[in-house]
Amino acid sequence: MITTDITFPADNGRPMRAAYAAPSDSQKHPGVIVIHEIFGLNDDIRRITGMVADLGYAALAPDLYDRGGARLICIARTLLTLNRGEGDAFKDLDAARKFLQQQPGVAIRAPPSCRAPAVTAAGALAHGDRPPSSGVLYTLTLGSKRLHWSI
């Protein structure tokens, strides 16, 4: 699956960086918002976005640190926003959801009054039967499909 770097309009209208991947067929697919960890939008998140698309989903990974200024300030601002439960990061995630809904190959079945993102993915730590001897094991469950990877 090819993951493409794109921009989409953030909450305040400025272009926001993101990675996007979707199946190449003519079908409509559910949308997934892939949320990066503390390292931001990097090659690993791009790879995971492609893996989600390989499972049959249109996947968008917005760069929540793409607000200008020093990177450390962007990280701190985003973490504070997530801790408060409101602010720019949530507004940008909502803008990502709206952008994803507008893509021609995406079918999001949630009613317009539902403010939840399409699906939030990529970040749930798995506590499986056999955790890896080193590193972190992540898992993502989308419907009946399960995706595992480790770092």
N, C-alpha and C. Protein backbone atom coordinates (compact mmCIF):
# COMPACT_ATOMS: atom_id res chain seq x y z
N MET A 1 0.85 -1.17 0.00
CA MET A 1 0.00 0.00 0.00
C MET A 1 0.89 1.24 0.00
N ILE A 2 0.58 2.19 -0.83
CA ILE A 2 1.34 3.44 -0.89
C ILE A 2 0.73 4.45 0.07
N THR A 3 1.56 4.98 0.95
CA THR A 3 1.15 6.05 1.87
C THR A 3 1.71 7.35 1.31
N THR A 4 0.83 8.35 1.18
CA THR A 4 1.20 9.61 0.57
C THR A 4 1.19 10.72 1.60
N ASP A 5 2.19 11.58 1.56
CA ASP A 5 2.18 12.79 2.40
C ASP A 5 1.29 13.82 1.72
N ILE A 6 0.35 14.36 2.48
CA ILE A 6 -0.60 15.34 1.96
C ILE A 6 -0.71 16.50 2.95
N THR A 7 -1.48 17.49 2.60
CA THR A 7 -1.93 18.51 3.55
C THR A 7 -3.44 18.59 3.44
N PHE A 8 -4.06 18.98 4.52
CA PHE A 8 -5.51 19.21 4.53
C PHE A 8 -5.76 20.43 5.40
N PRO A 9 -6.93 21.08 5.27
CA PRO A 9 -7.19 22.29 6.07
C PRO A 9 -7.42 21.95 7.54
N ALA A 10 -6.55 22.47 8.40
CA ALA A 10 -6.71 22.31 9.84
C ALA A 10 -7.90 23.14 10.31
N ASP A 11 -8.16 23.08 11.60
CA ASP A 11 -9.30 23.80 12.17
C ASP A 11 -9.27 25.28 11.85
N ASN A 12 -8.08 25.88 11.86
CA ASN A 12 -7.99 27.33 11.61
C ASN A 12 -7.77 27.65 10.13
N GLY A 13 -7.85 26.64 9.24
CA GLY A 13 -7.75 26.85 7.81
C GLY A 13 -6.34 26.70 7.23
N ARG A 14 -5.33 26.67 8.06
CA ARG A 14 -3.97 26.53 7.55
C ARG A 14 -3.74 25.09 7.08
N PRO A 15 -2.82 24.89 6.15
CA PRO A 15 -2.53 23.51 5.71
C PRO A 15 -1.86 22.72 6.84
N MET A 16 -2.32 21.52 7.08
CA MET A 16 -1.76 20.65 8.10
C MET A 16 -1.20 19.40 7.42
N ARG A 17 0.02 19.02 7.79
CA ARG A 17 0.64 17.82 7.23
C ARG A 17 -0.07 16.56 7.73
N ALA A 18 -0.09 15.55 6.87
CA ALA A 18 -0.69 14.26 7.23
C ALA A 18 -0.17 13.20 6.28
N ALA A 19 -0.35 11.95 6.66
CA ALA A 19 -0.11 10.81 5.77
C ALA A 19 -1.46 10.19 5.46
N TYR A 20 -1.65 9.76 4.21
CA TYR A 20 -2.93 9.20 3.79
C TYR A 20 -2.67 7.93 2.98
N ALA A 21 -3.46 6.91 3.25
CA ALA A 21 -3.41 5.67 2.47
C ALA A 21 -4.81 5.09 2.40
N ALA A 22 -5.15 4.52 1.25
CA ALA A 22 -6.46 3.91 1.06
C ALA A 22 -6.35 2.79 0.03
N PRO A 23 -7.24 1.82 0.10
CA PRO A 23 -7.25 0.78 -0.93
C PRO A 23 -7.46 1.41 -2.31
N SER A 24 -6.89 0.80 -3.33
CA SER A 24 -6.94 1.40 -4.66
C SER A 24 -8.14 0.96 -5.49
N ASP A 25 -9.05 0.19 -4.92
CA ASP A 25 -10.22 -0.24 -5.69
C ASP A 25 -11.26 0.88 -5.73
N SER A 26 -12.35 0.65 -6.41
CA SER A 26 -13.39 1.67 -6.56
C SER A 26 -14.47 1.59 -5.48
N GLN A 27 -14.27 0.73 -4.49
CA GLN A 27 -15.24 0.59 -3.39
C GLN A 27 -15.12 1.74 -2.41
N LYS A 28 -16.16 1.94 -1.63
CA LYS A 28 -16.10 2.88 -0.51
C LYS A 28 -15.62 2.10 0.72
N HIS A 29 -14.75 2.73 1.50
CA HIS A 29 -14.15 2.07 2.66
C HIS A 29 -14.36 2.91 3.91
N PRO A 30 -14.47 2.26 5.08
CA PRO A 30 -14.55 3.02 6.33
C PRO A 30 -13.27 3.83 6.53
N GLY A 31 -13.38 4.94 7.24
CA GLY A 31 -12.24 5.79 7.51
C GLY A 31 -11.66 5.56 8.89
N VAL A 32 -10.34 5.69 9.01
CA VAL A 32 -9.64 5.54 10.28
C VAL A 32 -8.68 6.71 10.43
N ILE A 33 -8.70 7.32 11.60
CA ILE A 33 -7.73 8.36 11.93
C ILE A 33 -6.65 7.70 12.78
N VAL A 34 -5.42 7.72 12.28
CA VAL A 34 -4.29 7.13 12.98
C VAL A 34 -3.62 8.26 13.77
N ILE A 35 -3.53 8.10 15.07
CA ILE A 35 -2.95 9.14 15.92
C ILE A 35 -1.53 8.72 16.30
N HIS A 36 -0.60 9.60 16.02
CA HIS A 36 0.81 9.29 16.30
C HIS A 36 1.10 9.35 17.79
N GLU A 37 2.24 8.73 18.15
CA GLU A 37 2.69 8.81 19.53
C GLU A 37 3.53 10.07 19.70
N ILE A 38 4.30 10.14 20.76
CA ILE A 38 5.03 11.37 21.10
C ILE A 38 6.05 11.79 20.04
N PHE A 39 6.50 10.86 19.20
CA PHE A 39 7.50 11.19 18.19
C PHE A 39 6.90 11.88 16.97
N GLY A 40 5.60 11.99 16.91
CA GLY A 40 4.96 12.70 15.81
C GLY A 40 4.80 11.86 14.56
N LEU A 41 4.47 12.53 13.47
CA LEU A 41 4.27 11.86 12.18
C LEU A 41 5.65 11.51 11.63
N ASN A 42 5.98 10.23 11.68
CA ASN A 42 7.29 9.78 11.21
C ASN A 42 7.10 8.57 10.30
N ASP A 43 8.21 7.98 9.86
CA ASP A 43 8.12 6.84 8.94
C ASP A 43 7.37 5.66 9.54
N ASP A 44 7.49 5.46 10.85
CA ASP A 44 6.78 4.36 11.49
C ASP A 44 5.26 4.57 11.43
N ILE A 45 4.81 5.78 11.68
CA ILE A 45 3.37 6.08 11.61
C ILE A 45 2.90 5.98 10.15
N ARG A 46 3.72 6.41 9.21
CA ARG A 46 3.36 6.25 7.79
C ARG A 46 3.20 4.77 7.45
N ARG A 47 4.12 3.93 7.94
CA ARG A 47 4.04 2.49 7.70
C ARG A 47 2.76 1.90 8.31
N ILE A 48 2.44 2.32 9.53
CA ILE A 48 1.23 1.83 10.19
C ILE A 48 -0.02 2.29 9.44
N THR A 49 0.00 3.51 8.94
CA THR A 49 -1.12 4.03 8.14
C THR A 49 -1.33 3.15 6.92
N GLY A 50 -0.24 2.76 6.26
CA GLY A 50 -0.34 1.84 5.12
C GLY A 50 -0.86 0.47 5.51
N MET A 51 -0.45 -0.02 6.68
CA MET A 51 -0.92 -1.32 7.16
C MET A 51 -2.42 -1.30 7.42
N VAL A 52 -2.92 -0.18 7.96
CA VAL A 52 -4.36 -0.04 8.19
C VAL A 52 -5.10 -0.05 6.85
N ALA A 53 -4.54 0.65 5.87
CA ALA A 53 -5.16 0.66 4.54
C ALA A 53 -5.15 -0.73 3.90
N ASP A 54 -4.09 -1.50 4.15
CA ASP A 54 -4.04 -2.88 3.64
C ASP A 54 -5.19 -3.73 4.19
N LEU A 55 -5.72 -3.35 5.34
CA LEU A 55 -6.85 -4.08 5.93
C LEU A 55 -8.19 -3.65 5.34
N GLY A 56 -8.18 -2.66 4.43
CA GLY A 56 -9.41 -2.25 3.78
C GLY A 56 -10.00 -0.95 4.29
N TYR A 57 -9.19 -0.12 4.91
CA TYR A 57 -9.66 1.15 5.46
C TYR A 57 -8.94 2.32 4.80
N ALA A 58 -9.62 3.44 4.67
CA ALA A 58 -8.96 4.68 4.29
C ALA A 58 -8.38 5.27 5.57
N ALA A 59 -7.07 5.49 5.59
CA ALA A 59 -6.40 5.89 6.83
C ALA A 59 -5.72 7.25 6.67
N LEU A 60 -5.95 8.12 7.65
CA LEU A 60 -5.35 9.45 7.66
C LEU A 60 -4.63 9.64 8.99
N ALA A 61 -3.36 10.03 8.92
CA ALA A 61 -2.55 10.27 10.12
C ALA A 61 -2.14 11.74 10.14
N PRO A 62 -2.90 12.59 10.83
CA PRO A 62 -2.54 14.01 10.89
C PRO A 62 -1.34 14.25 11.81
N ASP A 63 -0.54 15.24 11.47
CA ASP A 63 0.61 15.62 12.30
C ASP A 63 0.13 16.65 13.31
N LEU A 64 -0.18 16.19 14.52
CA LEU A 64 -0.72 17.08 15.55
C LEU A 64 0.29 18.11 16.04
N TYR A 65 1.56 17.95 15.65
CA TYR A 65 2.59 18.93 16.05
C TYR A 65 2.80 19.98 14.96
N ASP A 66 2.02 19.97 13.92
CA ASP A 66 2.19 20.88 12.79
C ASP A 66 1.47 22.22 13.05
N ARG A 67 1.94 22.95 14.04
CA ARG A 67 1.35 24.25 14.36
C ARG A 67 2.38 25.36 14.35
N GLY A 68 3.58 25.06 13.90
CA GLY A 68 4.64 26.06 13.85
C GLY A 68 5.31 26.22 15.20
N GLY A 69 6.50 26.80 15.19
CA GLY A 69 7.24 27.00 16.42
C GLY A 69 8.17 25.84 16.72
N ALA A 70 8.84 25.93 17.84
CA ALA A 70 9.79 24.90 18.26
C ALA A 70 9.06 23.59 18.52
N ARG A 71 9.65 22.49 18.11
CA ARG A 71 9.02 21.17 18.23
C ARG A 71 8.68 20.83 19.68
N LEU A 72 9.59 21.13 20.59
CA LEU A 72 9.34 20.83 22.00
C LEU A 72 8.11 21.58 22.52
N ILE A 73 7.93 22.81 22.08
CA ILE A 73 6.75 23.60 22.47
C ILE A 73 5.48 22.96 21.89
N CYS A 74 5.56 22.52 20.63
CA CYS A 74 4.40 21.86 20.00
C CYS A 74 4.02 20.58 20.75
N ILE A 75 5.01 19.80 21.14
CA ILE A 75 4.74 18.57 21.89
C ILE A 75 4.07 18.90 23.22
N ALA A 76 4.64 19.85 23.96
CA ALA A 76 4.08 20.23 25.27
C ALA A 76 2.66 20.75 25.11
N ARG A 77 2.43 21.60 24.12
CA ARG A 77 1.09 22.18 23.90
C ARG A 77 0.08 21.07 23.59
N THR A 78 0.47 20.11 22.75
CA THR A 78 -0.43 19.02 22.39
C THR A 78 -0.73 18.14 23.59
N LEU A 79 0.28 17.81 24.37
CA LEU A 79 0.06 16.96 25.55
C LEU A 79 -0.82 17.67 26.57
N LEU A 80 -0.64 18.97 26.75
CA LEU A 80 -1.52 19.72 27.67
C LEU A 80 -2.96 19.73 27.16
N THR A 81 -3.12 19.89 25.87
CA THR A 81 -4.46 19.86 25.27
C THR A 81 -5.13 18.51 25.51
N LEU A 82 -4.39 17.43 25.27
CA LEU A 82 -4.95 16.10 25.48
C LEU A 82 -5.29 15.86 26.94
N ASN A 83 -4.49 16.40 27.84
CA ASN A 83 -4.75 16.27 29.27
C ASN A 83 -6.02 17.03 29.67
N ARG A 84 -6.23 18.21 29.09
CA ARG A 84 -7.43 19.01 29.38
C ARG A 84 -8.69 18.45 28.75
N GLY A 85 -8.51 17.73 27.65
CA GLY A 85 -9.68 17.17 26.96
C GLY A 85 -10.33 18.14 25.99
N GLU A 86 -9.66 19.25 25.71
CA GLU A 86 -10.18 20.21 24.73
C GLU A 86 -9.02 21.08 24.24
N GLY A 87 -9.21 21.68 23.09
CA GLY A 87 -8.18 22.57 22.56
C GLY A 87 -7.83 22.25 21.12
N ASP A 88 -6.68 22.78 20.68
CA ASP A 88 -6.30 22.72 19.28
C ASP A 88 -6.16 21.30 18.74
N ALA A 89 -5.57 20.40 19.51
CA ALA A 89 -5.39 19.03 19.01
C ALA A 89 -6.74 18.38 18.71
N PHE A 90 -7.73 18.59 19.56
CA PHE A 90 -9.06 18.03 19.32
C PHE A 90 -9.73 18.70 18.13
N LYS A 91 -9.53 19.99 17.98
CA LYS A 91 -10.08 20.71 16.83
C LYS A 91 -9.45 20.20 15.54
N ASP A 92 -8.14 19.95 15.58
CA ASP A 92 -7.46 19.44 14.39
C ASP A 92 -7.89 18.01 14.07
N LEU A 93 -8.13 17.18 15.09
CA LEU A 93 -8.64 15.83 14.85
C LEU A 93 -10.03 15.88 14.23
N ASP A 94 -10.85 16.83 14.66
CA ASP A 94 -12.17 16.98 14.06
C ASP A 94 -12.05 17.44 12.61
N ALA A 95 -11.10 18.34 12.33
CA ALA A 95 -10.86 18.76 10.95
C ALA A 95 -10.39 17.58 10.10
N ALA A 96 -9.55 16.70 10.69
CA ALA A 96 -9.10 15.50 9.98
C ALA A 96 -10.28 14.59 9.67
N ARG A 97 -11.18 14.44 10.63
CA ARG A 97 -12.39 13.62 10.40
C ARG A 97 -13.22 14.19 9.26
N LYS A 98 -13.42 15.49 9.27
CA LYS A 98 -14.21 16.13 8.20
C LYS A 98 -13.55 15.94 6.84
N PHE A 99 -12.22 16.11 6.80
CA PHE A 99 -11.49 15.92 5.54
C PHE A 99 -11.64 14.48 5.06
N LEU A 100 -11.48 13.53 5.97
CA LEU A 100 -11.58 12.12 5.61
C LEU A 100 -12.97 11.80 5.06
N GLN A 101 -14.00 12.35 5.67
CA GLN A 101 -15.38 12.12 5.21
C GLN A 101 -15.61 12.63 3.80
N GLN A 102 -14.87 13.65 3.39
CA GLN A 102 -15.06 14.25 2.07
C GLN A 102 -14.33 13.50 0.96
N GLN A 103 -13.49 12.54 1.31
CA GLN A 103 -12.74 11.81 0.28
C GLN A 103 -13.69 10.87 -0.45
N PRO A 104 -13.55 10.77 -1.79
CA PRO A 104 -14.52 10.00 -2.58
C PRO A 104 -14.58 8.51 -2.25
N GLY A 105 -13.50 7.91 -1.76
CA GLY A 105 -13.51 6.49 -1.48
C GLY A 105 -13.80 6.15 -0.03
N VAL A 106 -14.34 7.11 0.73
CA VAL A 106 -14.55 6.91 2.17
C VAL A 106 -16.04 6.91 2.47
N ALA A 107 -16.47 5.93 3.24
CA ALA A 107 -17.86 5.84 3.69
C ALA A 107 -17.84 5.80 5.21
N ILE A 108 -18.19 6.90 5.84
CA ILE A 108 -18.28 6.93 7.30
C ILE A 108 -19.75 6.91 7.64
N ARG A 109 -20.13 5.90 8.38
CA ARG A 109 -21.55 5.65 8.63
C ARG A 109 -22.10 6.36 9.86
N ALA A 110 -21.26 7.01 10.64
CA ALA A 110 -21.76 7.71 11.82
C ALA A 110 -22.64 8.87 11.38
N PRO A 111 -23.75 9.12 12.08
CA PRO A 111 -24.60 10.25 11.70
C PRO A 111 -23.85 11.56 11.88
N PRO A 112 -24.20 12.61 11.10
CA PRO A 112 -23.49 13.88 11.20
C PRO A 112 -23.50 14.49 12.59
N SER A 113 -24.48 14.16 13.41
CA SER A 113 -24.53 14.74 14.75
C SER A 113 -23.53 14.07 15.70
N CYS A 114 -22.97 12.94 15.29
CA CYS A 114 -22.00 12.23 16.13
C CYS A 114 -20.65 12.89 15.97
N ARG A 115 -20.09 13.41 17.06
CA ARG A 115 -18.83 14.15 16.99
C ARG A 115 -17.61 13.28 17.21
N ALA A 116 -17.79 11.98 17.40
CA ALA A 116 -16.64 11.10 17.60
C ALA A 116 -15.87 10.95 16.30
N PRO A 117 -14.54 10.85 16.35
CA PRO A 117 -13.78 10.58 15.13
C PRO A 117 -14.21 9.26 14.52
N ALA A 118 -13.94 9.09 13.25
CA ALA A 118 -14.32 7.87 12.55
C ALA A 118 -13.91 6.65 13.34
N VAL A 119 -12.66 6.50 13.57
CA VAL A 119 -12.11 5.47 14.46
C VAL A 119 -10.76 6.02 14.90
N THR A 120 -10.43 5.89 16.13
CA THR A 120 -9.11 6.32 16.59
C THR A 120 -8.27 5.08 16.78
N ALA A 121 -7.09 5.07 16.19
CA ALA A 121 -6.31 3.85 16.16
C ALA A 121 -4.85 4.12 16.46
N ALA A 122 -4.07 3.05 16.42
CA ALA A 122 -2.61 3.07 16.52
C ALA A 122 -2.11 3.68 17.81
N GLY A 123 -2.13 2.92 18.85
CA GLY A 123 -1.59 3.39 20.10
C GLY A 123 -2.02 2.58 21.29
N ALA A 124 -2.86 1.58 21.10
CA ALA A 124 -3.31 0.77 22.23
C ALA A 124 -2.27 -0.30 22.52
N LEU A 125 -1.72 -0.28 23.70
CA LEU A 125 -0.72 -1.27 24.08
C LEU A 125 -1.40 -2.60 24.33
N ALA A 126 -0.88 -3.63 23.70
CA ALA A 126 -1.48 -4.96 23.84
C ALA A 126 -0.83 -5.71 24.98
N HIS A 127 -1.61 -6.34 25.79
CA HIS A 127 -1.12 -7.21 26.85
C HIS A 127 -1.51 -8.63 26.46
N GLY A 128 -0.80 -9.17 25.47
CA GLY A 128 -1.12 -10.49 24.95
C GLY A 128 -0.58 -11.59 25.83
N ASP A 129 -0.81 -12.82 25.41
CA ASP A 129 -0.32 -13.98 26.15
C ASP A 129 1.20 -14.02 26.18
N ARG A 130 1.84 -13.60 25.08
CA ARG A 130 3.29 -13.70 24.99
C ARG A 130 3.86 -12.36 24.56
N PRO A 131 4.07 -11.45 25.48
CA PRO A 131 4.64 -10.16 25.11
C PRO A 131 6.07 -10.34 24.60
N PRO A 132 6.54 -9.42 23.75
CA PRO A 132 7.89 -9.57 23.21
C PRO A 132 8.92 -9.46 24.33
N SER A 133 10.10 -10.06 24.09
CA SER A 133 11.14 -10.02 25.10
C SER A 133 11.72 -8.62 25.25
N SER A 134 11.65 -7.82 24.20
CA SER A 134 12.09 -6.43 24.29
C SER A 134 11.21 -5.59 23.38
N GLY A 135 11.14 -4.32 23.63
CA GLY A 135 10.32 -3.45 22.81
C GLY A 135 8.89 -3.39 23.28
N VAL A 136 8.05 -2.81 22.46
CA VAL A 136 6.64 -2.62 22.77
C VAL A 136 5.82 -3.29 21.68
N LEU A 137 4.79 -4.00 22.07
CA LEU A 137 3.90 -4.64 21.12
C LEU A 137 2.60 -3.85 21.08
N TYR A 138 2.19 -3.47 19.87
CA TYR A 138 0.95 -2.75 19.69
C TYR A 138 -0.04 -3.65 18.96
N THR A 139 -1.30 -3.42 19.20
CA THR A 139 -2.33 -4.14 18.46
C THR A 139 -3.44 -3.16 18.10
N LEU A 140 -4.11 -3.45 17.01
CA LEU A 140 -5.21 -2.64 16.53
C LEU A 140 -6.29 -3.59 16.07
N THR A 141 -7.49 -3.45 16.59
CA THR A 141 -8.61 -4.29 16.18
C THR A 141 -9.60 -3.43 15.44
N LEU A 142 -9.86 -3.79 14.19
CA LEU A 142 -10.83 -3.09 13.35
C LEU A 142 -11.85 -4.12 12.89
N GLY A 143 -13.03 -4.08 13.47
CA GLY A 143 -14.03 -5.09 13.16
C GLY A 143 -13.50 -6.45 13.56
N SER A 144 -13.48 -7.38 12.62
CA SER A 144 -12.99 -8.72 12.91
C SER A 144 -11.50 -8.88 12.57
N LYS A 145 -10.87 -7.81 12.09
CA LYS A 145 -9.47 -7.88 11.71
C LYS A 145 -8.59 -7.35 12.83
N ARG A 146 -7.45 -8.02 13.03
CA ARG A 146 -6.53 -7.62 14.09
C ARG A 146 -5.13 -7.46 13.48
N LEU A 147 -4.48 -6.37 13.81
CA LEU A 147 -3.17 -6.04 13.29
C LEU A 147 -2.22 -5.91 14.47
N HIS A 148 -1.06 -6.55 14.39
CA HIS A 148 -0.06 -6.48 15.46
C HIS A 148 1.25 -5.98 14.87
N TRP A 149 1.99 -5.21 15.64
CA TRP A 149 3.34 -4.81 15.26
C TRP A 149 4.10 -4.48 16.52
N SER A 150 5.42 -4.52 16.41
CA SER A 150 6.24 -4.19 17.57
C SER A 150 7.30 -3.17 17.17
N ILE A 151 7.78 -2.45 18.18
CA ILE A 151 8.86 -1.48 17.94
C ILE A 151 9.99 -1.79 18.90
